[in-house]
Amino acid sequence: MPNENPPAQPAGTGTGTGPKLPVRRVTDASTLRALSHPVRIQLIEALGTHGTMTATQVGELIGESPTTCSFHLRQLARYGFVEEAGGGKGRARPWRVASEAVQLTSAPGDPESELAAEALGRMIHERQASRFRNWRDTRHSYPDEWVKAATNSQHLLYMTAAELRQLNDDVAELIDSRFGHRYFRPEERPPGALPVEIHFTDYPVALPSQLPPVSDSPDQASQKGE
């Protein structure tokens, strides 16, 4: 698994021309472990998808009791992942995702942080895979325009590490500049917009030692013969 795990929220929220909200980079083992709970992951996903809700409302959505949700929401708030939206008391208090982007990663050279990030990353990836399977199973219940718009593509490219890093930066900037702000600003979502999950995963499939030496191209070979 790569060192940088998927963000709990979009890694940036800029509009392309305006200022971006700060990105909180979480590497602390205790904070990563605090998020590594199935109910807490579900709570953040639900609030991110459906917006501000009370413990009772989000509990009905994910199939947990208001008491359970209230406890875990308070724990998430303690570590800065959610916050009160204002108004209401007790279980009637509305909650929302914290108004900053969060990137989850391990601290290099810290075994506890690396283990915590690995466990959390595995949990997040499993839930992503589950949602993709659900989409594949139910896609024909969506309007035809959504079935045609969604994609699942695969590419095998030959790149250097620097080129791969640049590609990732370019894709992140494109997505962030065009759509990132809508996560925190529902009023800017156009009519008909749905929450769309994008998985962009890239990794080498062979070690350098497993590949044959790069041979000279015909042009290079002819130049050497001159």
Foldseek 3Di string as FASTA:
>chain_A
DDQWFDWLAQQWAAQQPDDIFDEAEDADLVLLLLCLDVLNSQLSVCCLFPNKDFLCVSCVVVVHHSVVSQVSQVSCVVSQQKDFPDDDDDRRTIIHGHPGIYIYGHDPPDVSSSVSSVSSRVVVVVVVVVVVVVCVVCVVVDPPVVVVPDDDDDDDDDDDPVVVVVVVVVVSSVCNNNPRNCSVPVVPDDPPDHDDDDDDDDDDPDDPVVDDDDDDDPVVVVVVVD
